[in-house]
């Protein structure tokens, strides 16, 4: 279907060409980042802990029980298991998704 574009305002034209960012509601005119189908600007997709942009780094996506997105460091700081005695984080070894604990 053809869209008649002559006589459209810039705002109307942008609605046909661009999507709006989930975070700021402005049109995205460059790279679109998507999380769970929702579009974001690179600068609007950030860690809920440290506020750093997550566009080019690893992050932990939200879950049903935890709706926030975190960079790996903030996620581990907040949610990693800790040693009962010294309170140090028990983190996975390089290349592992989870830490293995035995009692």
Protein backbone atom coordinates (compact mmCIF):
# COMPACT_ATOMS: atom_id res chain seq x y z
CA UNK A 1 0.00 0.00 0.00
CA UNK A 2 1.28 3.42 -0.94
CA UNK A 3 1.36 6.13 1.69
CA UNK A 4 0.50 9.60 0.48
CA UNK A 5 3.35 11.78 1.77
CA UNK A 6 2.73 15.07 -0.05
CA UNK A 7 1.28 17.65 2.28
CA UNK A 8 2.26 15.75 5.46
CA UNK A 9 3.85 17.63 8.33
CA UNK A 10 7.32 16.59 9.45
CA UNK A 11 5.77 14.96 12.54
CA UNK A 12 3.31 12.95 10.43
CA UNK A 13 6.07 11.87 8.05
CA UNK A 14 8.30 10.78 10.94
CA UNK A 15 5.48 8.61 12.33
CA UNK A 16 5.53 6.65 9.05
CA UNK A 17 9.31 6.28 8.88
CA UNK A 18 10.62 6.03 12.46
CA UNK A 19 9.69 4.30 15.72
CA UNK A 20 9.62 5.93 19.14
CA UNK A 21 12.00 5.03 21.96
CA UNK A 22 10.36 3.15 24.83
CA UNK A 23 12.34 5.16 27.40
CA UNK A 24 12.17 8.79 26.16
CA UNK A 25 9.38 8.62 23.53
CA UNK A 26 11.47 10.52 20.93
CA UNK A 27 11.83 9.20 17.39
CA UNK A 28 14.80 6.89 16.81
CA UNK A 29 16.60 8.09 13.68
CA UNK A 30 19.76 6.00 14.05
CA UNK A 31 20.55 2.53 15.41
CA UNK A 32 17.60 0.84 17.14
CA UNK A 33 18.23 -1.41 20.12
CA UNK A 34 15.45 -3.82 21.00
CA UNK A 35 14.79 -5.66 24.23
CA UNK A 36 11.76 -7.93 24.34
CA UNK A 37 10.55 -6.25 21.15
CA UNK A 38 10.67 -2.74 22.64
CA UNK A 39 12.79 -0.14 20.76
CA UNK A 40 15.40 2.05 22.50
CA UNK A 41 18.01 4.67 21.57
CA UNK A 42 21.52 3.50 22.48
CA UNK A 43 21.79 6.30 25.06
CA UNK A 44 18.41 5.40 26.59
CA UNK A 45 19.24 1.74 27.15
CA UNK A 46 21.18 1.84 30.41
CA UNK A 47 21.95 -0.08 33.59
CA UNK A 48 19.47 0.56 36.39
CA UNK A 49 22.34 0.33 38.90
CA UNK A 50 25.16 2.53 37.59
CA UNK A 51 23.29 4.30 34.75
CA UNK A 52 25.98 3.37 32.17
CA UNK A 53 24.78 2.75 28.59
CA UNK A 54 24.43 -0.94 27.77
CA UNK A 55 24.43 -0.65 23.96
CA UNK A 56 27.87 -2.24 23.45
CA UNK A 57 28.34 -4.36 26.55
CA UNK A 58 27.02 -7.52 28.19
CA UNK A 59 23.96 -7.12 30.37
CA UNK A 60 21.48 -9.18 32.36
CA UNK A 61 17.96 -8.87 30.92
CA UNK A 62 14.89 -8.42 33.10
CA UNK A 63 12.85 -11.29 34.46
CA UNK A 64 9.28 -11.53 35.66
CA UNK A 65 10.49 -11.14 39.27
CA UNK A 66 13.13 -8.47 38.49
CA UNK A 67 11.99 -6.00 35.81
CA UNK A 68 15.23 -3.96 35.71
CA UNK A 69 18.16 -4.37 33.31
CA UNK A 70 21.67 -4.42 34.83
CA UNK A 71 25.23 -4.50 33.55
CA UNK A 72 26.99 -7.70 34.64
CA UNK A 73 29.01 -5.92 37.36
CA UNK A 74 25.94 -4.30 38.98
CA UNK A 75 23.96 -7.53 38.73
CA UNK A 76 26.71 -9.48 40.45
CA UNK A 77 27.12 -6.80 43.12
CA UNK A 78 23.40 -6.89 43.93
CA UNK A 79 22.43 -10.51 43.37
CA UNK A 80 25.51 -12.78 43.58
CA UNK A 81 25.63 -15.34 46.35
CA UNK A 82 27.92 -14.30 49.21
CA UNK A 83 30.08 -16.27 51.57
CA UNK A 84 28.39 -16.59 54.95
CA UNK A 85 31.66 -15.94 56.79
CA UNK A 86 33.46 -13.18 54.85
CA UNK A 87 30.57 -11.84 52.72
CA UNK A 88 32.72 -12.00 49.55
CA UNK A 89 30.81 -12.57 46.34
CA UNK A 90 30.73 -16.11 45.00
CA UNK A 91 31.02 -15.54 41.27
CA UNK A 92 31.06 -17.91 38.30
CA UNK A 93 34.42 -18.83 36.82
CA UNK A 94 35.32 -17.30 33.44
CA UNK A 95 33.12 -18.80 30.74
CA UNK A 96 30.56 -20.18 33.21
CA UNK A 97 27.01 -18.87 33.56
CA UNK A 98 26.62 -19.91 37.20
CA UNK A 99 28.89 -20.53 40.16
CA UNK A 100 29.01 -24.09 41.45
CA UNK A 101 28.73 -24.55 45.18
CA UNK A 102 29.10 -27.72 47.17
CA UNK A 103 28.58 -28.25 50.85
